[in-house]
Amino acid sequence: MRKVVLMIILIISAASMSAQKDYDYRMEIGGGLGLTGYLGDFNGNITKDLKPMFTVVLRRNIDHYMALKLAMSYGKLKGSSAETNTYYTEYADGKYNFNNSIADANFSYEYNFWPYGTGYDYRGAQRFTPFISGGIGVTYCDCSNNVFTANIPLGVGLKYKIGERLNAGLEWAMHFSLSDKLDGVKNPYGISSSGLFKNTDCYSSILFTITYSFMPKCTTCNKE
């Protein structure tokens, strides 16, 4: 009987030690690339004139369901008055073209639909999860009239845990800016308008990212 009790104690101790090695990580850092596209007065097609975009990502994992993300990106916005179905008197010759550089920084909240974790976690965390995100950011556009404006990013995506510290993500987001000058032209209709997001430009982005997890949580204390 004593041998059986001793064996049970050894098994429980081994399981406990194994569980303590399954770390959760507070932070992730990495980068990625993808495509961005302009939507505004001179383009109404979300899949047209897509240009490369690069991003750097820093993520703070609150728990298995929630995270905060800071992303800084650089890309191009392209469009032409020849590609619009709307008749603008000043641009009727179809010769207005732009290829403007943009840089943005966005701070977003992410919600995971499934508990996302190490993939080896004894609490049943998942290797992958779909998520939604929303936040606030700023955009700088290098165009004829240089623009610095706020933007509201709303997105959906999927995260996948490649390994204990390596993560992959794919996210599509729409960035609603507060400016009508990202294409270098303000109000080509010639009719004044007001209100949040009234006749303003926006852009979409689809980005694939790789991040590295660091700053493991304490597994032997009750501080968190």
Protein backbone atom coordinates (compact mmCIF):
# COMPACT_ATOMS: atom_id res chain seq x y z
CA MET A 1 0.00 0.00 0.00
CA ARG A 2 2.83 2.35 0.85
CA LYS A 3 4.40 1.70 -2.57
CA VAL A 4 1.12 2.56 -4.31
CA VAL A 5 0.78 5.84 -2.35
CA LEU A 6 4.41 6.71 -3.09
CA MET A 7 3.88 6.03 -6.82
CA ILE A 8 0.78 8.28 -6.89
CA ILE A 9 2.73 11.08 -5.19
CA LEU A 10 5.56 10.75 -7.73
CA ILE A 11 3.11 10.85 -10.67
CA ILE A 12 1.36 13.98 -9.30
CA SER A 13 4.73 15.69 -8.71
CA ALA A 14 5.89 14.89 -12.25
CA ALA A 15 2.64 16.23 -13.75
CA SER A 16 2.94 19.39 -11.67
CA MET A 17 6.53 19.97 -12.79
CA SER A 18 5.52 19.41 -16.43
CA ALA A 19 2.63 21.87 -16.13
CA GLN A 20 4.92 24.52 -14.67
CA LYS A 21 7.09 24.38 -17.80
CA ASP A 22 4.17 25.36 -20.00
CA TYR A 23 4.71 29.11 -20.05
CA ASP A 24 2.36 31.87 -21.05
CA TYR A 25 4.06 34.96 -22.48
CA ARG A 26 3.04 38.55 -21.85
CA MET A 27 4.56 40.12 -24.95
CA GLU A 28 5.10 39.49 -28.67
CA ILE A 29 7.22 41.43 -31.15
CA GLY A 30 7.66 40.96 -34.88
CA GLY A 31 6.80 42.18 -38.34
CA GLY A 32 5.05 41.35 -41.54
CA LEU A 33 4.06 42.35 -45.03
CA GLY A 34 0.99 42.43 -47.21
CA LEU A 35 -1.10 44.72 -49.37
CA THR A 36 -2.99 47.97 -48.95
CA GLY A 37 -5.60 49.64 -51.13
CA TYR A 38 -7.14 53.10 -51.35
CA LEU A 39 -10.91 53.70 -51.24
CA GLY A 40 -12.23 57.15 -51.94
CA ASP A 41 -13.34 59.58 -54.62
CA PHE A 42 -11.12 57.99 -57.28
CA ASN A 43 -11.61 54.31 -56.50
CA GLY A 44 -14.58 52.34 -55.20
CA ASN A 45 -13.18 48.83 -55.72
CA ILE A 46 -11.60 47.25 -52.64
CA THR A 47 -9.47 44.84 -54.69
CA LYS A 48 -8.15 47.38 -57.22
CA ASP A 49 -4.72 49.03 -57.34
CA LEU A 50 -3.34 47.17 -54.30
CA LYS A 51 0.20 48.11 -53.27
CA PRO A 52 2.76 46.54 -50.88
CA MET A 53 2.63 47.36 -47.17
CA PHE A 54 5.13 46.56 -44.40
CA THR A 55 4.43 46.50 -40.67
CA VAL A 56 6.11 46.18 -37.25
CA VAL A 57 4.02 44.72 -34.40
CA LEU A 58 4.19 44.81 -30.60
CA ARG A 59 1.47 42.88 -28.74
CA ARG A 60 0.62 42.74 -25.03
CA ASN A 61 -1.32 39.58 -24.17
CA ILE A 62 -3.70 40.32 -21.31
CA ASP A 63 -4.99 36.74 -21.11
CA HIS A 64 -5.95 33.94 -23.53
CA TYR A 65 -8.88 35.97 -24.89
CA MET A 66 -7.67 39.59 -24.99
CA ALA A 67 -4.64 41.49 -26.23
CA LEU A 68 -3.50 45.04 -26.96
CA LYS A 69 -1.50 45.68 -30.13
CA LEU A 70 0.66 48.54 -31.39
CA ALA A 71 1.38 48.37 -35.13
CA MET A 72 3.39 50.76 -37.29
CA SER A 73 3.07 50.36 -41.06
CA TYR A 74 4.28 51.84 -44.33
CA GLY A 75 2.72 51.49 -47.77
CA LYS A 76 1.43 53.18 -50.93
CA LEU A 77 -2.00 54.40 -52.05
CA LYS A 78 -2.71 54.43 -55.78
CA GLY A 79 -5.64 55.74 -57.82
CA SER A 80 -6.70 57.60 -60.93
CA SER A 81 -9.54 59.82 -62.10
CA ALA A 82 -9.79 57.54 -65.16
CA GLU A 83 -10.95 54.68 -62.92
CA THR A 84 -14.01 56.33 -61.40
CA ASN A 85 -17.58 56.14 -62.61
CA THR A 86 -18.37 59.52 -61.05
CA TYR A 87 -18.11 62.56 -63.29
CA TYR A 88 -15.90 65.29 -61.80
CA THR A 89 -15.83 68.45 -63.92
CA GLU A 90 -12.26 69.34 -62.95
CA TYR A 91 -10.97 65.81 -63.61
CA ALA A 92 -13.09 64.83 -66.61
CA ASP A 93 -10.02 64.31 -68.80
CA GLY A 94 -9.05 61.30 -66.68
CA LYS A 95 -5.45 62.41 -66.37
CA TYR A 96 -5.22 62.78 -62.59
CA ASN A 97 -3.11 59.96 -61.13
CA PHE A 98 -1.55 59.56 -57.72
CA ASN A 99 0.76 57.09 -55.99
CA ASN A 100 1.11 58.46 -52.46
CA SER A 101 3.18 57.06 -49.59
CA ILE A 102 1.50 56.57 -46.23
CA ALA A 103 2.79 55.72 -42.77
CA ASP A 104 0.49 54.90 -39.89
CA ALA A 105 0.58 53.89 -36.24
CA ASN A 106 -2.40 52.09 -34.72
CA PHE A 107 -3.26 51.00 -31.19
CA SER A 108 -5.87 48.23 -31.19
CA TYR A 109 -7.76 45.94 -28.84
CA GLU A 110 -8.04 42.30 -29.96
CA TYR A 111 -10.64 39.78 -28.81
CA ASN A 112 -9.97 36.07 -29.43
CA PHE A 113 -13.05 33.88 -29.93
CA TRP A 114 -11.18 30.81 -28.63
CA PRO A 115 -8.63 30.73 -25.76
CA TYR A 116 -5.35 31.37 -27.55
CA GLY A 117 -2.18 30.22 -25.78
CA THR A 118 1.00 28.21 -26.03
CA GLY A 119 -0.59 25.22 -27.71
CA TYR A 120 0.94 23.01 -25.02
CA ASP A 121 -0.93 24.53 -22.11
CA TYR A 122 -2.52 22.11 -19.64
CA ARG A 123 -5.51 24.47 -19.37
CA GLY A 124 -6.56 23.65 -22.91
CA ALA A 125 -5.37 26.74 -24.79
CA GLN A 126 -5.70 26.62 -28.58
CA ARG A 127 -3.02 26.73 -31.26
CA PHE A 128 -5.20 28.99 -33.41
CA THR A 129 -8.14 31.35 -33.01
CA PRO A 130 -10.14 33.85 -35.08
CA PHE A 131 -10.29 37.36 -33.64
CA ILE A 132 -11.73 40.81 -34.14
CA SER A 133 -9.98 44.11 -33.47
CA GLY A 134 -10.73 47.80 -33.20
CA GLY A 135 -8.80 50.85 -32.12
CA ILE A 136 -7.50 54.27 -32.99
CA GLY A 137 -4.49 55.47 -34.94
CA VAL A 138 -2.82 58.22 -36.92
CA THR A 139 -1.92 58.38 -40.61
CA TYR A 140 0.65 60.51 -42.41
CA CYS A 141 0.30 60.82 -46.18
CA ASP A 142 3.17 62.14 -48.32
CA CYS A 143 1.20 63.78 -51.13
CA SER A 144 0.81 67.17 -52.80
CA ASN A 145 -0.79 68.50 -49.62
CA ASN A 146 0.94 66.50 -46.87
CA VAL A 147 -1.72 65.12 -44.54
CA PHE A 148 -1.59 64.08 -40.90
CA THR A 149 -4.91 62.68 -39.69
CA ALA A 150 -6.53 60.23 -37.30
CA ASN A 151 -7.88 56.88 -38.45
CA ILE A 152 -10.18 54.23 -36.97
CA PRO A 153 -8.99 50.66 -37.79
CA LEU A 154 -11.54 47.81 -37.66
CA GLY A 155 -10.37 44.31 -38.52
CA VAL A 156 -10.79 40.54 -38.45
CA GLY A 157 -8.09 37.89 -38.52
CA LEU A 158 -6.66 34.55 -37.51
CA LYS A 159 -3.72 33.81 -35.20
CA TYR A 160 -1.77 30.54 -35.17
CA LYS A 161 0.75 29.29 -32.61
CA ILE A 162 3.60 27.77 -34.63
CA GLY A 163 5.62 26.83 -31.54
CA GLU A 164 6.15 27.79 -27.93
CA ARG A 165 7.49 31.24 -28.83
CA LEU A 166 6.69 31.64 -32.53
CA ASN A 167 3.32 32.98 -33.76
CA ALA A 168 1.75 33.68 -37.15
CA GLY A 169 -1.14 36.00 -37.93
CA LEU A 170 -3.27 37.04 -40.90
CA GLU A 171 -5.42 40.17 -40.52
CA TRP A 172 -7.63 42.23 -42.79
CA ALA A 173 -8.54 45.74 -41.59
CA MET A 174 -10.32 48.80 -42.88
CA HIS A 175 -8.85 52.15 -41.81
CA PHE A 176 -11.42 54.96 -41.79
CA SER A 177 -9.54 58.25 -41.89
CA LEU A 178 -10.86 61.66 -40.87
CA SER A 179 -9.42 63.33 -43.98
CA ASP A 180 -10.53 63.67 -47.60
CA LYS A 181 -6.99 64.43 -48.77
CA LEU A 182 -5.25 61.04 -48.86
CA ASP A 183 -5.64 61.10 -52.65
CA GLY A 184 -4.27 64.65 -52.80
CA VAL A 185 -7.70 66.14 -53.59
CA LYS A 186 -10.27 67.57 -51.21
CA ASN A 187 -13.94 67.39 -52.16
CA PRO A 188 -13.82 66.93 -55.97
CA TYR A 189 -17.63 67.16 -55.97
CA GLY A 190 -17.36 70.86 -55.17
CA ILE A 191 -20.14 70.49 -52.59
CA SER A 192 -19.26 71.17 -48.97
CA SER A 193 -20.15 68.49 -46.40
CA SER A 194 -19.61 67.95 -42.68
CA GLY A 195 -19.85 65.16 -40.12
CA LEU A 196 -17.71 62.25 -38.95
CA PHE A 197 -16.46 60.16 -41.93
CA LYS A 198 -18.56 62.32 -44.30
CA ASN A 199 -16.92 62.13 -47.75
CA THR A 200 -13.56 61.04 -46.26
CA ASP A 201 -10.94 58.68 -47.68
CA CYS A 202 -10.09 55.28 -46.25
CA TYR A 203 -7.81 52.36 -47.04
CA SER A 204 -7.77 48.63 -46.42
CA SER A 205 -4.86 46.38 -45.49
CA ILE A 206 -4.27 42.63 -45.43
CA LEU A 207 -1.10 41.65 -43.57
CA PHE A 208 0.69 38.42 -42.73
CA THR A 209 2.83 38.68 -39.59
CA ILE A 210 5.35 36.59 -37.66
CA THR A 211 5.94 37.43 -33.99
CA TYR A 212 8.22 36.15 -31.23
CA SER A 213 6.90 35.69 -27.67
CA PHE A 214 8.89 36.93 -24.67
CA MET A 215 8.47 37.93 -21.02
CA PRO A 216 7.00 34.68 -19.58
CA LYS A 217 4.45 34.89 -16.79
CA CYS A 218 5.35 33.51 -13.38
CA THR A 219 4.00 29.95 -13.07
CA THR A 220 4.86 29.43 -9.40
CA CYS A 221 3.35 32.53 -7.84
CA ASN A 222 -0.06 34.18 -7.49
CA LYS A 223 0.88 37.67 -8.60
CA GLU A 224 -1.33 37.53 -11.72
